[in-house]
Amino acid sequence: MMAYFWWGLATFVVAALILLVAYATKAGRNAQAVNQSAQNTAQAKVLTTTTAAMAQAQATGPQNTAQLLSRLDAKDA
């Protein structure tokens, strides 16, 4: 009868360890996904800022020499 107890206990311990490893693996994957998402968000913000600055520079940039000189004279450059 004692052998059944020890086999049952060993089976329970092995099952608990397998579940613990599976849980830790899932938690690690979730953490990695969160970190990757944060990096992607930061890269998207940088790209958006750069693109917006380029569009603003193109929209407000001088079209010809006369417009450049008028902006420089107005100290708006």
Protein backbone atom coordinates (compact mmCIF):
# COMPACT_ATOMS: atom_id res chain seq x y z
CA MET A 1 0.00 0.00 0.00
CA MET A 2 2.90 2.36 0.74
CA ALA A 3 4.27 1.85 -2.77
CA TYR A 4 1.07 3.29 -4.26
CA PHE A 5 1.44 6.35 -2.05
CA TRP A 6 5.04 6.98 -3.15
CA TRP A 7 4.22 6.39 -6.84
CA GLY A 8 1.26 8.76 -6.53
CA LEU A 9 3.41 11.37 -4.82
CA ALA A 10 6.15 11.05 -7.46
CA THR A 11 3.57 11.36 -10.25
CA PHE A 12 2.10 14.45 -8.59
CA VAL A 13 5.54 16.09 -8.20
CA VAL A 14 6.48 15.40 -11.83
CA ALA A 15 3.14 16.78 -13.02
CA ALA A 16 3.56 19.88 -10.85
CA LEU A 17 7.05 20.50 -12.25
CA ILE A 18 5.81 20.11 -15.82
CA LEU A 19 3.01 22.60 -15.16
CA LEU A 20 5.45 25.02 -13.53
CA VAL A 21 7.80 24.90 -16.54
CA ALA A 22 4.88 25.37 -18.93
CA TYR A 23 3.64 28.37 -16.93
CA ALA A 24 7.10 29.95 -16.78
CA THR A 25 7.54 29.48 -20.53
CA LYS A 26 4.21 31.16 -21.25
CA ALA A 27 5.04 34.04 -18.89
CA GLY A 28 8.40 34.52 -20.59
CA ARG A 29 6.82 34.60 -24.03
CA ASN A 30 4.26 37.15 -22.85
CA ALA A 31 6.99 39.35 -21.38
CA GLN A 32 8.97 39.13 -24.61
CA ALA A 33 5.90 40.10 -26.63
CA VAL A 34 5.32 43.12 -24.39
CA ASN A 35 8.94 44.24 -24.75
CA GLN A 36 8.82 43.84 -28.53
CA SER A 37 5.56 45.80 -28.66
CA ALA A 38 7.11 48.63 -26.65
CA GLN A 39 10.11 48.73 -28.98
CA ASN A 40 7.83 48.80 -32.03
CA THR A 41 5.83 51.65 -30.50
CA ALA A 42 8.99 53.65 -29.82
CA GLN A 43 10.24 53.10 -33.38
CA ALA A 44 6.87 54.14 -34.79
CA LYS A 45 6.90 57.35 -32.71
CA VAL A 46 10.40 58.21 -33.95
CA LEU A 47 9.40 57.54 -37.55
CA THR A 48 6.22 59.60 -37.19
CA THR A 49 8.11 62.50 -35.64
CA THR A 50 10.72 62.43 -38.38
CA THR A 51 8.13 62.19 -41.14
CA ALA A 52 6.11 65.04 -39.64
CA ALA A 53 9.22 67.21 -39.39
CA MET A 54 10.12 66.47 -43.00
CA ALA A 55 6.60 67.29 -44.15
CA GLN A 56 6.61 70.52 -42.14
CA ALA A 57 9.99 71.51 -43.58
CA GLN A 58 8.80 70.79 -47.09
CA ALA A 59 5.55 72.69 -46.58
CA THR A 60 7.15 75.78 -45.05
CA GLY A 61 10.39 75.64 -47.00
CA PRO A 62 11.18 78.33 -49.53
CA GLN A 63 10.07 77.70 -53.07
CA ASN A 64 12.50 80.06 -54.76
CA THR A 65 15.28 82.56 -54.00
CA ALA A 66 12.92 85.46 -53.41
CA GLN A 67 10.98 83.56 -50.79
CA LEU A 68 14.21 82.47 -49.08
CA LEU A 69 15.49 86.04 -48.96
CA SER A 70 12.19 87.33 -47.59
CA ARG A 71 12.27 84.70 -44.83
CA LEU A 72 15.87 85.57 -43.97
CA ASP A 73 15.03 89.28 -43.92
CA ALA A 74 12.09 88.58 -41.61
CA LYS A 75 14.39 86.46 -39.38
CA ASP A 76 11.96 83.55 -39.72
CA ALA A 77 14.54 81.05 -40.92
